[in-house]
């Protein structure tokens, strides 16, 4: 599984990374949460809170945006976007 994470501010891409998880024993959900944990560590962010609207968006499009309401700490960007690029 490959997941692309992007941070945007003022409609500009500030940084991005692709997290790859090839551990076949993990479920899809666990792979997503493991990737989220890894990218939050890499970008020095707190983990975002999944709201019902995020879950619905992710189920529908395999893509989700986390805004300031999803973070407990303050953020200096507009949103973090997560998109599934490839699934095993």
Protein backbone atom coordinates (compact mmCIF):
# COMPACT_ATOMS: atom_id res chain seq x y z
CA UNK A 1 0.00 0.00 0.00
CA UNK A 2 1.23 3.47 -0.89
CA UNK A 3 -0.25 6.55 0.76
CA UNK A 4 0.58 10.09 -0.31
CA UNK A 5 0.55 12.81 2.36
CA UNK A 6 0.62 16.50 1.42
CA UNK A 7 0.61 19.68 3.48
CA UNK A 8 -0.95 22.79 1.93
CA UNK A 9 -0.99 26.44 2.90
CA UNK A 10 -2.65 29.17 0.79
CA UNK A 11 -3.32 26.60 -1.94
CA UNK A 12 0.38 25.81 -2.25
CA UNK A 13 2.04 22.51 -1.56
CA UNK A 14 4.52 22.96 1.30
CA UNK A 15 5.75 19.39 1.58
CA UNK A 16 4.75 15.87 0.71
CA UNK A 17 5.84 12.29 1.18
CA UNK A 18 4.75 8.81 0.17
CA UNK A 19 4.57 6.15 2.87
CA UNK A 20 4.76 2.56 1.73
CA UNK A 21 3.55 -0.31 3.90
CA UNK A 22 4.06 -3.83 2.57
CA UNK A 23 3.33 -5.77 5.76
CA UNK A 24 0.75 -8.25 4.50
CA UNK A 25 -0.33 -9.37 7.97
CA UNK A 26 -1.84 -5.95 8.74
CA UNK A 27 -5.39 -5.02 7.82
CA UNK A 28 -6.07 -2.04 5.54
CA UNK A 29 -7.12 0.09 8.51
CA UNK A 30 -3.98 -0.76 10.49
CA UNK A 31 -1.80 0.08 7.47
CA UNK A 32 -3.50 3.47 7.18
CA UNK A 33 -3.07 4.25 10.88
CA UNK A 34 0.57 3.09 10.81
CA UNK A 35 1.24 5.38 7.84
CA UNK A 36 -0.51 8.25 9.61
CA UNK A 37 1.64 7.72 12.69
CA UNK A 38 4.81 7.63 10.59
CA UNK A 39 4.00 10.81 8.66
CA UNK A 40 3.02 12.67 11.83
CA UNK A 41 6.40 11.74 13.30
CA UNK A 42 8.21 12.80 10.09
CA UNK A 43 6.34 16.12 9.85
CA UNK A 44 6.41 16.69 13.64
CA UNK A 45 2.61 16.83 13.95
CA UNK A 46 0.12 15.59 16.47
CA UNK A 47 -2.14 12.86 15.13
CA UNK A 48 -5.34 14.23 13.65
CA UNK A 49 -8.73 13.22 14.98
CA UNK A 50 -10.94 11.36 12.52
CA UNK A 51 -14.35 13.02 12.46
CA UNK A 52 -17.40 11.40 10.87
CA UNK A 53 -17.06 13.71 7.88
CA UNK A 54 -13.46 12.54 7.38
CA UNK A 55 -14.47 8.89 7.45
CA UNK A 56 -17.26 9.48 4.93
CA UNK A 57 -14.95 11.43 2.61
CA UNK A 58 -12.24 8.78 2.83
CA UNK A 59 -14.65 5.91 2.12
CA UNK A 60 -16.05 7.74 -0.88
CA UNK A 61 -12.83 9.03 -2.51
CA UNK A 62 -9.86 7.20 -0.91
CA UNK A 63 -8.71 10.69 -0.03
CA UNK A 64 -9.23 12.88 3.01
CA UNK A 65 -8.23 16.33 4.26
CA UNK A 66 -7.51 17.13 7.89
CA UNK A 67 -8.09 20.78 8.81
CA UNK A 68 -7.28 22.68 12.01
CA UNK A 69 -10.41 21.25 13.66
CA UNK A 70 -8.88 17.78 13.40
CA UNK A 71 -5.78 18.69 15.39
CA UNK A 72 -5.54 19.31 19.11
CA UNK A 73 -2.38 21.41 18.69
CA UNK A 74 -2.36 24.51 16.54
CA UNK A 75 -1.06 24.04 13.00
CA UNK A 76 0.73 26.51 10.73
CA UNK A 77 -0.80 25.21 7.50
CA UNK A 78 -4.30 24.97 6.04
CA UNK A 79 -4.71 21.20 5.78
CA UNK A 80 -3.03 17.82 5.61
CA UNK A 81 -4.24 15.66 2.73
CA UNK A 82 -3.96 11.89 2.64
CA UNK A 83 -4.56 9.91 -0.55
CA UNK A 84 -4.27 6.20 -1.30
CA UNK A 85 -2.08 5.75 -4.36
CA UNK A 86 -1.84 1.97 -4.56
CA UNK A 87 -3.35 -0.88 -2.61
CA UNK A 88 -2.00 -4.41 -2.48
